[in-house]
PDB file of all heavy atoms in Angstrom:
ATOM      1  N   GLY A   1      25.902 -14.008  -8.814  1.00  0.00           N
ATOM      2  CA  GLY A   1      25.282 -13.030  -7.924  1.00  0.00           C
ATOM      3  C   GLY A   1      26.131 -12.700  -6.714  1.00  0.00           C
ATOM      4  O   GLY A   1      27.068 -13.419  -6.352  1.00  0.00           O
ATOM      5  N   THR A   2      25.793 -11.587  -6.090  1.00  0.00           N
ATOM      6  CA  THR A   2      26.424 -11.147  -4.846  1.00  0.00           C
ATOM      7  C   THR A   2      25.303 -10.732  -3.896  1.00  0.00           C
ATOM      8  O   THR A   2      24.151 -10.590  -4.317  1.00  0.00           O
ATOM      9  CB  THR A   2      27.358  -9.950  -5.089  1.00  0.00           C
ATOM     10  OG1 THR A   2      26.555  -8.804  -5.445  1.00  0.00           O
ATOM     11  CG2 THR A   2      28.358 -10.239  -6.204  1.00  0.00           C
ATOM     12  N   PRO A   3      25.603 -10.514  -2.610  1.00  0.00           N
ATOM     13  CA  PRO A   3      24.551 -10.044  -1.692  1.00  0.00           C
ATOM     14  C   PRO A   3      23.873  -8.765  -2.187  1.00  0.00           C
ATOM     15  O   PRO A   3      22.687  -8.545  -1.916  1.00  0.00           O
ATOM     16  CB  PRO A   3      25.320  -9.813  -0.391  1.00  0.00           C
ATOM     17  CG  PRO A   3      26.435 -10.807  -0.446  1.00  0.00           C
ATOM     18  CD  PRO A   3      26.854 -10.857  -1.894  1.00  0.00           C
ATOM     19  N   LEU A   4      24.604  -7.944  -2.941  1.00  0.00           N
ATOM     20  CA  LEU A   4      24.027  -6.701  -3.445  1.00  0.00           C
ATOM     21  C   LEU A   4      22.902  -6.969  -4.452  1.00  0.00           C
ATOM     22  O   LEU A   4      22.030  -6.118  -4.650  1.00  0.00           O
ATOM     23  CB  LEU A   4      25.127  -5.860  -4.103  1.00  0.00           C
ATOM     24  CG  LEU A   4      24.801  -4.386  -4.383  1.00  0.00           C
ATOM     25  CD1 LEU A   4      24.452  -3.660  -3.087  1.00  0.00           C
ATOM     26  CD2 LEU A   4      25.977  -3.710  -5.088  1.00  0.00           C
ATOM     27  N   TRP A   5      22.917  -8.167  -5.046  1.00  0.00           N
ATOM     28  CA  TRP A   5      21.870  -8.501  -6.013  1.00  0.00           C
ATOM     29  C   TRP A   5      20.493  -8.636  -5.361  1.00  0.00           C
ATOM     30  O   TRP A   5      19.479  -8.671  -6.051  1.00  0.00           O
ATOM     31  CB  TRP A   5      22.228  -9.806  -6.736  1.00  0.00           C
ATOM     32  CG  TRP A   5      23.232  -9.635  -7.831  1.00  0.00           C
ATOM     33  CD1 TRP A   5      24.306  -8.798  -7.838  1.00  0.00           C
ATOM     34  CD2 TRP A   5      23.259 -10.311  -9.089  1.00  0.00           C
ATOM     35  NE1 TRP A   5      25.011  -8.918  -9.002  1.00  0.00           N
ATOM     36  CE2 TRP A   5      24.390  -9.838  -9.794  1.00  0.00           C
ATOM     37  CE3 TRP A   5      22.463 -11.281  -9.671  1.00  0.00           C
ATOM     38  CZ2 TRP A   5      24.732 -10.305 -11.067  1.00  0.00           C
ATOM     39  CZ3 TRP A   5      22.795 -11.750 -10.946  1.00  0.00           C
ATOM     40  CH2 TRP A   5      23.915 -11.262 -11.636  1.00  0.00           C
ATOM     41  N   ALA A   6      20.461  -8.722  -4.050  1.00  0.00           N
ATOM     42  CA  ALA A   6      19.179  -8.802  -3.345  1.00  0.00           C
ATOM     43  C   ALA A   6      18.472  -7.448  -3.314  1.00  0.00           C
ATOM     44  O   ALA A   6      17.254  -7.378  -3.115  1.00  0.00           O
ATOM     45  CB  ALA A   6      19.391  -9.306  -1.922  1.00  0.00           C
ATOM     46  N   LEU A   7      19.233  -6.388  -3.523  1.00  0.00           N
ATOM     47  CA  LEU A   7      18.692  -5.034  -3.356  1.00  0.00           C
ATOM     48  C   LEU A   7      17.511  -4.716  -4.267  1.00  0.00           C
ATOM     49  O   LEU A   7      16.508  -4.155  -3.801  1.00  0.00           O
ATOM     50  CB  LEU A   7      19.819  -4.008  -3.555  1.00  0.00           C
ATOM     51  CG  LEU A   7      19.533  -2.578  -3.082  1.00  0.00           C
ATOM     52  CD1 LEU A   7      19.222  -2.564  -1.584  1.00  0.00           C
ATOM     53  CD2 LEU A   7      20.726  -1.681  -3.394  1.00  0.00           C
ATOM     54  N   PRO A   8      17.550  -5.026  -5.574  1.00  0.00           N
ATOM     55  CA  PRO A   8      16.404  -4.667  -6.421  1.00  0.00           C
ATOM     56  C   PRO A   8      15.083  -5.233  -5.930  1.00  0.00           C
ATOM     57  O   PRO A   8      14.067  -4.517  -5.880  1.00  0.00           O
ATOM     58  CB  PRO A   8      16.797  -5.252  -7.788  1.00  0.00           C
ATOM     59  CG  PRO A   8      18.280  -5.247  -7.779  1.00  0.00           C
ATOM     60  CD  PRO A   8      18.657  -5.590  -6.367  1.00  0.00           C
ATOM     61  N   SER A   9      15.059  -6.508  -5.559  1.00  0.00           N
ATOM     62  CA  SER A   9      13.809  -7.106  -5.093  1.00  0.00           C
ATOM     63  C   SER A   9      13.357  -6.507  -3.776  1.00  0.00           C
ATOM     64  O   SER A   9      12.158  -6.262  -3.565  1.00  0.00           O
ATOM     65  CB  SER A   9      13.976  -8.626  -4.945  1.00  0.00           C
ATOM     66  OG  SER A   9      14.150  -9.235  -6.203  1.00  0.00           O
ATOM     67  N   LEU A  10      14.303  -6.273  -2.877  1.00  0.00           N
ATOM     68  CA  LEU A  10      13.932  -5.711  -1.576  1.00  0.00           C
ATOM     69  C   LEU A  10      13.388  -4.294  -1.714  1.00  0.00           C
ATOM     70  O   LEU A  10      12.368  -3.948  -1.103  1.00  0.00           O
ATOM     71  CB  LEU A  10      15.149  -5.726  -0.647  1.00  0.00           C
ATOM     72  CG  LEU A  10      15.675  -7.111  -0.242  1.00  0.00           C
ATOM     73  CD1 LEU A  10      16.897  -6.977   0.648  1.00  0.00           C
ATOM     74  CD2 LEU A  10      14.582  -7.917   0.452  1.00  0.00           C
ATOM     75  N   VAL A  11      14.045  -3.471  -2.522  1.00  0.00           N
ATOM     76  CA  VAL A  11      13.589  -2.090  -2.706  1.00  0.00           C
ATOM     77  C   VAL A  11      12.282  -2.062  -3.493  1.00  0.00           C
ATOM     78  O   VAL A  11      11.308  -1.403  -3.102  1.00  0.00           O
ATOM     79  CB  VAL A  11      14.664  -1.254  -3.415  1.00  0.00           C
ATOM     80  CG1 VAL A  11      14.114   0.135  -3.762  1.00  0.00           C
ATOM     81  CG2 VAL A  11      15.902  -1.121  -2.546  1.00  0.00           C
ATOM     82  N   GLY A  12      12.240  -2.791  -4.627  1.00  0.00           N
ATOM     83  CA  GLY A  12      11.061  -2.760  -5.484  1.00  0.00           C
ATOM     84  C   GLY A  12       9.826  -3.315  -4.817  1.00  0.00           C
ATOM     85  O   GLY A  12       8.778  -2.651  -4.775  1.00  0.00           O
ATOM     86  N   LEU A  13       9.934  -4.522  -4.264  1.00  0.00           N
ATOM     87  CA  LEU A  13       8.751  -5.123  -3.645  1.00  0.00           C
ATOM     88  C   LEU A  13       8.441  -4.479  -2.297  1.00  0.00           C
ATOM     89  O   LEU A  13       7.283  -4.488  -1.849  1.00  0.00           O
ATOM     90  CB  LEU A  13       8.954  -6.631  -3.503  1.00  0.00           C
ATOM     91  CG  LEU A  13       8.635  -7.481  -4.756  1.00  0.00           C
ATOM     92  CD1 LEU A  13       7.177  -7.296  -5.141  1.00  0.00           C
ATOM     93  CD2 LEU A  13       9.526  -7.124  -5.931  1.00  0.00           C
ATOM     94  N   GLY A  14       9.448  -3.895  -1.648  1.00  0.00           N
ATOM     95  CA  GLY A  14       9.163  -3.105  -0.449  1.00  0.00           C
ATOM     96  C   GLY A  14       8.300  -1.908  -0.782  1.00  0.00           C
ATOM     97  O   GLY A  14       7.336  -1.587  -0.069  1.00  0.00           O
ATOM     98  N   GLY A  15       8.620  -1.274  -1.903  1.00  0.00           N
ATOM     99  CA  GLY A  15       7.775  -0.170  -2.363  1.00  0.00           C
ATOM    100  C   GLY A  15       6.379  -0.639  -2.728  1.00  0.00           C
ATOM    101  O   GLY A  15       5.390   0.069  -2.489  1.00  0.00           O
ATOM    102  N   ALA A  16       6.285  -1.832  -3.294  1.00  0.00           N
ATOM    103  CA  ALA A  16       4.977  -2.382  -3.655  1.00  0.00           C
ATOM    104  C   ALA A  16       4.110  -2.586  -2.414  1.00  0.00           C
ATOM    105  O   ALA A  16       2.893  -2.351  -2.440  1.00  0.00           O
ATOM    106  CB  ALA A  16       5.147  -3.705  -4.393  1.00  0.00           C
ATOM    107  N   VAL A  17       4.724  -3.000  -1.316  1.00  0.00           N
ATOM    108  CA  VAL A  17       3.983  -3.174  -0.057  1.00  0.00           C
ATOM    109  C   VAL A  17       3.401  -1.846   0.405  1.00  0.00           C
ATOM    110  O   VAL A  17       2.229  -1.754   0.795  1.00  0.00           O
ATOM    111  CB  VAL A  17       4.892  -3.770   1.034  1.00  0.00           C
ATOM    112  CG1 VAL A  17       4.218  -3.698   2.393  1.00  0.00           C
ATOM    113  CG2 VAL A  17       5.247  -5.215   0.707  1.00  0.00           C
ATOM    114  N   VAL A  18       4.200  -0.793   0.327  1.00  0.00           N
ATOM    115  CA  VAL A  18       3.739   0.536   0.755  1.00  0.00           C
ATOM    116  C   VAL A  18       2.569   0.994  -0.113  1.00  0.00           C
ATOM    117  O   VAL A  18       1.544   1.479   0.392  1.00  0.00           O
ATOM    118  CB  VAL A  18       4.899   1.552   0.681  1.00  0.00           C
ATOM    119  CG1 VAL A  18       4.385   2.964   0.953  1.00  0.00           C
ATOM    120  CG2 VAL A  18       5.988   1.179   1.677  1.00  0.00           C
ATOM    121  N   VAL A  19       2.709   0.848  -1.431  1.00  0.00           N
ATOM    122  CA  VAL A  19       1.638   1.268  -2.341  1.00  0.00           C
ATOM    123  C   VAL A  19       0.365   0.471  -2.072  1.00  0.00           C
ATOM    124  O   VAL A  19      -0.744   1.028  -2.013  1.00  0.00           O
ATOM    125  CB  VAL A  19       2.079   1.093  -3.809  1.00  0.00           C
ATOM    126  CG1 VAL A  19       0.893   1.327  -4.759  1.00  0.00           C
ATOM    127  CG2 VAL A  19       3.211   2.056  -4.142  1.00  0.00           C
ATOM    128  N   LEU A  20       0.501  -0.832  -1.894  1.00  0.00           N
ATOM    129  CA  LEU A  20      -0.670  -1.673  -1.652  1.00  0.00           C
ATOM    130  C   LEU A  20      -1.383  -1.265  -0.369  1.00  0.00           C
ATOM    131  O   LEU A  20      -2.613  -1.139  -0.342  1.00  0.00           O
ATOM    132  CB  LEU A  20      -0.244  -3.139  -1.585  1.00  0.00           C
ATOM    133  CG  LEU A  20      -1.372  -4.153  -1.373  1.00  0.00           C
ATOM    134  CD1 LEU A  20      -2.340  -4.125  -2.547  1.00  0.00           C
ATOM    135  CD2 LEU A  20      -0.803  -5.561  -1.186  1.00  0.00           C
ATOM    136  N   ARG A  21      -0.620  -1.047   0.678  1.00  0.00           N
ATOM    137  CA  ARG A  21      -1.226  -0.661   1.957  1.00  0.00           C
ATOM    138  C   ARG A  21      -1.953   0.682   1.827  1.00  0.00           C
ATOM    139  O   ARG A  21      -3.075   0.845   2.308  1.00  0.00           O
ATOM    140  CB  ARG A  21      -0.146  -0.566   3.036  1.00  0.00           C
ATOM    141  CG  ARG A  21       0.535  -1.889   3.377  1.00  0.00           C
ATOM    142  CD  ARG A  21      -0.309  -2.751   4.269  1.00  0.00           C
ATOM    143  NE  ARG A  21      -0.381  -2.225   5.627  1.00  0.00           N
ATOM    144  CZ  ARG A  21      -1.193  -2.675   6.563  1.00  0.00           C
ATOM    145  NH1 ARG A  21      -2.051  -3.648   6.273  1.00  0.00           N
ATOM    146  NH2 ARG A  21      -1.193  -2.155   7.778  1.00  0.00           N
ATOM    147  N   MET A  22      -1.304   1.629   1.176  1.00  0.00           N
ATOM    148  CA  MET A  22      -1.907   2.958   1.043  1.00  0.00           C
ATOM    149  C   MET A  22      -3.156   2.918   0.178  1.00  0.00           C
ATOM    150  O   MET A  22      -4.173   3.546   0.500  1.00  0.00           O
ATOM    151  CB  MET A  22      -0.887   3.930   0.448  1.00  0.00           C
ATOM    152  CG  MET A  22       0.279   4.270   1.365  1.00  0.00           C
ATOM    153  SD  MET A  22       1.475   5.375   0.565  1.00  0.00           S
ATOM    154  CE  MET A  22       0.465   6.836   0.306  1.00  0.00           C
ATOM    155  N   ALA A  23      -3.097   2.174  -0.939  1.00  0.00           N
ATOM    156  CA  ALA A  23      -4.238   2.140  -1.861  1.00  0.00           C
ATOM    157  C   ALA A  23      -5.434   1.441  -1.235  1.00  0.00           C
ATOM    158  O   ALA A  23      -6.567   1.942  -1.280  1.00  0.00           O
ATOM    159  CB  ALA A  23      -3.834   1.442  -3.156  1.00  0.00           C
ATOM    160  N   VAL A  24      -5.203   0.296  -0.619  1.00  0.00           N
ATOM    161  CA  VAL A  24      -6.322  -0.446  -0.032  1.00  0.00           C
ATOM    162  C   VAL A  24      -6.895   0.296   1.163  1.00  0.00           C
ATOM    163  O   VAL A  24      -8.108   0.222   1.435  1.00  0.00           O
ATOM    164  CB  VAL A  24      -5.868  -1.871   0.349  1.00  0.00           C
ATOM    165  CG1 VAL A  24      -6.978  -2.607   1.094  1.00  0.00           C
ATOM    166  CG2 VAL A  24      -5.487  -2.655  -0.908  1.00  0.00           C
ATOM    167  N   ALA A  25      -6.064   1.048   1.887  1.00  0.00           N
ATOM    168  CA  ALA A  25      -6.570   1.841   3.012  1.00  0.00           C
ATOM    169  C   ALA A  25      -7.627   2.830   2.545  1.00  0.00           C
ATOM    170  O   ALA A  25      -8.562   3.151   3.290  1.00  0.00           O
ATOM    171  CB  ALA A  25      -5.413   2.566   3.695  1.00  0.00           C
ATOM    172  N   ARG A  26      -7.504   3.309   1.300  1.00  0.00           N
ATOM    173  CA  ARG A  26      -8.488   4.258   0.765  1.00  0.00           C
ATOM    174  C   ARG A  26      -9.808   3.586   0.434  1.00  0.00           C
ATOM    175  O   ARG A  26     -10.808   4.273   0.179  1.00  0.00           O
ATOM    176  CB  ARG A  26      -7.938   4.928  -0.491  1.00  0.00           C
ATOM    177  CG  ARG A  26      -7.197   6.236  -0.257  1.00  0.00           C
ATOM    178  CD  ARG A  26      -5.995   6.059   0.596  1.00  0.00           C
ATOM    179  NE  ARG A  26      -5.279   7.327   0.826  1.00  0.00           N
ATOM    180  CZ  ARG A  26      -4.198   7.408   1.563  1.00  0.00           C
ATOM    181  NH1 ARG A  26      -3.704   6.318   2.150  1.00  0.00           N
ATOM    182  NH2 ARG A  26      -3.599   8.567   1.751  1.00  0.00           N
ATOM    183  N   LEU A  27      -9.824   2.272   0.413  1.00  0.00           N
ATOM    184  CA  LEU A  27     -11.064   1.559   0.148  1.00  0.00           C
ATOM    185  C   LEU A  27     -11.874   1.316   1.417  1.00  0.00           C
ATOM    186  O   LEU A  27     -12.992   0.812   1.353  1.00  0.00           O
ATOM    187  CB  LEU A  27     -10.767   0.215  -0.529  1.00  0.00           C
ATOM    188  CG  LEU A  27     -10.094   0.282  -1.891  1.00  0.00           C
ATOM    189  CD1 LEU A  27      -9.835  -1.126  -2.417  1.00  0.00           C
ATOM    190  CD2 LEU A  27     -10.948   1.064  -2.879  1.00  0.00           C
ATOM    191  N   ARG A  28     -11.301   1.651   2.565  1.00  0.00           N
ATOM    192  CA  ARG A  28     -12.013   1.466   3.832  1.00  0.00           C
ATOM    193  C   ARG A  28     -12.660   2.782   4.233  1.00  0.00           C
ATOM    194  O   ARG A  28     -12.129   3.861   3.952  1.00  0.00           O
ATOM    195  CB  ARG A  28     -11.045   0.997   4.925  1.00  0.00           C
ATOM    196  CG  ARG A  28     -10.404  -0.349   4.590  1.00  0.00           C
ATOM    197  CD  ARG A  28      -9.702  -0.938   5.801  1.00  0.00           C
ATOM    198  NE  ARG A  28      -9.114  -2.224   5.431  1.00  0.00           N
ATOM    199  CZ  ARG A  28      -7.861  -2.383   5.017  1.00  0.00           C
ATOM    200  NH1 ARG A  28      -7.068  -1.335   4.943  1.00  0.00           N
ATOM    201  NH2 ARG A  28      -7.415  -3.577   4.683  1.00  0.00           N
ATOM    202  N   PRO A  29     -13.804   2.732   4.899  1.00  0.00           N
ATOM    203  CA  PRO A  29     -14.518   3.963   5.259  1.00  0.00           C
ATOM    204  C   PRO A  29     -13.727   4.808   6.243  1.00  0.00           C
ATOM    205  O   PRO A  29     -13.108   4.295   7.174  1.00  0.00           O
ATOM    206  CB  PRO A  29     -15.810   3.454   5.893  1.00  0.00           C
ATOM    207  CG  PRO A  29     -15.487   2.075   6.360  1.00  0.00           C
ATOM    208  CD  PRO A  29     -14.512   1.528   5.386  1.00  0.00           C
ATOM    209  N   VAL A  30     -13.721   6.120   5.994  1.00  0.00           N
ATOM    210  CA  VAL A  30     -13.075   7.047   6.924  1.00  0.00           C
ATOM    211  C   VAL A  30     -13.832   7.067   8.238  1.00  0.00           C
ATOM    212  O   VAL A  30     -13.262   7.030   9.330  1.00  0.00           O
ATOM    213  CB  VAL A  30     -13.024   8.454   6.313  1.00  0.00           C
ATOM    214  CG1 VAL A  30     -12.467   9.449   7.315  1.00  0.00           C
ATOM    215  CG2 VAL A  30     -12.175   8.441   5.044  1.00  0.00           C
ATOM    216  N   ASP A  31     -15.145   7.119   8.132  1.00  0.00           N
ATOM    217  CA  ASP A  31     -16.013   7.088   9.306  1.00  0.00           C
ATOM    218  C   ASP A  31     -16.623   5.697   9.399  1.00  0.00           C
ATOM    219  O   ASP A  31     -17.420   5.300   8.561  1.00  0.00           O
ATOM    220  CB  ASP A  31     -17.112   8.143   9.162  1.00  0.00           C
ATOM    221  CG  ASP A  31     -17.996   8.208  10.417  1.00  0.00           C
ATOM    222  OD1 ASP A  31     -17.825   7.336  11.310  1.00  0.00           O
ATOM    223  OD2 ASP A  31     -18.831   9.110  10.474  1.00  0.00           O
ATOM    224  N   ARG A  32     -16.224   4.937  10.386  1.00  0.00           N
ATOM    225  CA  ARG A  32     -16.678   3.556  10.490  1.00  0.00           C
ATOM    226  C   ARG A  32     -18.177   3.462  10.775  1.00  0.00           C
ATOM    227  O   ARG A  32     -18.759   2.391  10.665  1.00  0.00           O
ATOM    228  CB  ARG A  32     -15.878   2.813  11.555  1.00  0.00           C
ATOM    229  CG  ARG A  32     -14.412   2.677  11.174  1.00  0.00           C
ATOM    230  CD  ARG A  32     -13.659   1.816  12.171  1.00  0.00           C
ATOM    231  NE  ARG A  32     -12.267   1.670  11.756  1.00  0.00           N
ATOM    232  CZ  ARG A  32     -11.379   0.930  12.413  1.00  0.00           C
ATOM    233  NH1 ARG A  32     -11.748   0.282  13.505  1.00  0.00           N
ATOM    234  NH2 ARG A  32     -10.133   0.838  11.994  1.00  0.00           N
ATOM    235  N   ARG A  33     -18.788   4.566  11.110  1.00  0.00           N
ATOM    236  CA  ARG A  33     -20.249   4.548  11.317  1.00  0.00           C
ATOM    237  C   ARG A  33     -20.961   4.772   9.990  1.00  0.00           C
ATOM    238  O   ARG A  33     -22.162   4.602   9.893  1.00  0.00           O
ATOM    239  CB  ARG A  33     -20.660   5.631  12.309  1.00  0.00           C
ATOM    240  CG  ARG A  33     -20.100   5.406  13.712  1.00  0.00           C
ATOM    241  CD  ARG A  33     -20.316   6.622  14.577  1.00  0.00           C
ATOM    242  NE  ARG A  33     -19.633   7.791  14.011  1.00  0.00           N
ATOM    243  CZ  ARG A  33     -19.705   9.010  14.527  1.00  0.00           C
ATOM    244  NH1 ARG A  33     -20.473   9.245  15.594  1.00  0.00           N
ATOM    245  NH2 ARG A  33     -19.039  10.002  13.977  1.00  0.00           N
ATOM    246  N   ALA A  34     -20.192   5.173   8.995  1.00  0.00           N
ATOM    247  CA  ALA A  34     -20.822   5.486   7.714  1.00  0.00           C
ATOM    248  C   ALA A  34     -21.089   4.220   6.930  1.00  0.00           C
ATOM    249  O   ALA A  34     -20.519   3.183   7.190  1.00  0.00           O
ATOM    250  CB  ALA A  34     -19.924   6.417   6.900  1.00  0.00           C
ATOM    251  N   GLU A  35     -21.981   4.342   5.979  1.00  0.00           N
ATOM    252  CA  GLU A  35     -22.328   3.204   5.134  1.00  0.00           C
ATOM    253  C   GLU A  35     -21.619   3.269   3.790  1.00  0.00           C
ATOM    254  O   GLU A  35     -21.826   2.456   2.926  1.00  0.00           O
ATOM    255  CB  GLU A  35     -23.845   3.170   4.890  1.00  0.00           C
ATOM    256  CG  GLU A  35     -24.641   2.914   6.142  1.00  0.00           C
ATOM    257  CD  GLU A  35     -24.321   1.557   6.767  1.00  0.00           C
ATOM    258  OE1 GLU A  35     -24.058   0.615   6.008  1.00  0.00           O
ATOM    259  OE2 GLU A  35     -24.303   1.462   8.002  1.00  0.00           O
ATOM    260  N   SER A  36     -20.785   4.287   3.600  1.00  0.00           N
ATOM    261  CA  SER A  36     -20.076   4.410   2.329  1.00  0.00           C
ATOM    262  C   SER A  36     -18.789   5.171   2.547  1.00  0.00           C
ATOM    263  O   SER A  36     -18.589   5.775   3.600  1.00  0.00           O
ATOM    264  CB  SER A  36     -20.938   5.155   1.299  1.00  0.00           C
ATOM    265  OG  SER A  36     -21.161   6.485   1.745  1.00  0.00           O
ATOM    266  N   ILE A  37     -17.913   5.133   1.540  1.00  0.00           N
ATOM    267  CA  ILE A  37     -16.713   5.951   1.639  1.00  0.00           C
ATOM    268  C   ILE A  37     -16.954   7.226   0.860  1.00  0.00           C
ATOM    269  O   ILE A  37     -17.791   7.298  -0.028  1.00  0.00           O
ATOM    270  CB  ILE A  37     -15.480   5.203   1.119  1.00  0.00           C
ATOM    271  CG1 ILE A  37     -15.612   4.936  -0.383  1.00  0.00           C
ATOM    272  CG2 ILE A  37     -15.279   3.903   1.841  1.00  0.00           C
ATOM    273  CD1 ILE A  37     -14.355   4.332  -0.966  1.00  0.00           C
ATOM    274  N   THR A  38     -16.210   8.217   1.174  1.00  0.00           N
ATOM    275  CA  THR A  38     -16.441   9.527   0.586  1.00  0.00           C
ATOM    276  C   THR A  38     -15.784   9.646  -0.759  1.00  0.00           C
ATOM    277  O   THR A  38     -14.929   8.848  -1.146  1.00  0.00           O
ATOM    278  CB  THR A  38     -15.863  10.617   1.512  1.00  0.00           C
ATOM    279  OG1 THR A  38     -14.448  10.460   1.530  1.00  0.00           O
ATOM    280  CG2 THR A  38     -16.428  10.493   2.902  1.00  0.00           C
ATOM    281  N   ALA A  39     -16.186  10.695  -1.496  1.00  0.00           N
ATOM    282  CA  ALA A  39     -15.544  10.975  -2.767  1.00  0.00           C
ATOM    283  C   ALA A  39     -14.060  11.253  -2.561  1.00  0.00           C
ATOM    284  O   ALA A  39     -13.227  10.924  -3.397  1.00  0.00           O
ATOM    285  CB  ALA A  39     -16.220  12.167  -3.441  1.00  0.00           C
ATOM    286  N   MET A  40     -13.730  11.875  -1.406  1.00  0.00           N
ATOM    287  CA  MET A  40     -12.328  12.121  -1.096  1.00  0.00           C
ATOM    288  C   MET A  40     -11.572  10.807  -0.995  1.00  0.00           C
ATOM    289  O   MET A  40     -10.439  10.690  -1.446  1.00  0.00           O
ATOM    290  CB  MET A  40     -12.208  12.900   0.206  1.00  0.00           C
ATOM    291  CG  MET A  40     -10.757  13.237   0.588  1.00  0.00           C
ATOM    292  SD  MET A  40      -9.962  14.312  -0.612  1.00  0.00           S
ATOM    293  CE  MET A  40     -10.874  15.822  -0.301  1.00  0.00           C
ATOM    294  N   ASP A  41     -12.193   9.750  -0.458  1.00  0.00           N
ATOM    295  CA  ASP A  41     -11.559   8.425  -0.390  1.00  0.00           C
ATOM    296  C   ASP A  41     -11.319   7.891  -1.793  1.00  0.00           C
ATOM    297  O   ASP A  41     -10.275   7.306  -2.077  1.00  0.00           O
ATOM    298  CB  ASP A  41     -12.431   7.452   0.393  1.00  0.00           C
ATOM    299  CG  ASP A  41     -12.548   7.828   1.861  1.00  0.00           C
ATOM    300  OD1 ASP A  41     -11.544   8.287   2.429  1.00  0.00           O
ATOM    301  OD2 ASP A  41     -13.637   7.664   2.399  1.00  0.00           O
TER     302      ASP A  41
END
């Protein structure tokens, strides 16, 4: 291996972090006073 071999894991799992954050954010209510999330969510 070389230092460049670190790139696949950093890029791939870095992207996984972004997807996870974005997807789970859609599971939280847009309006915190609401009792449900919207169809748009």
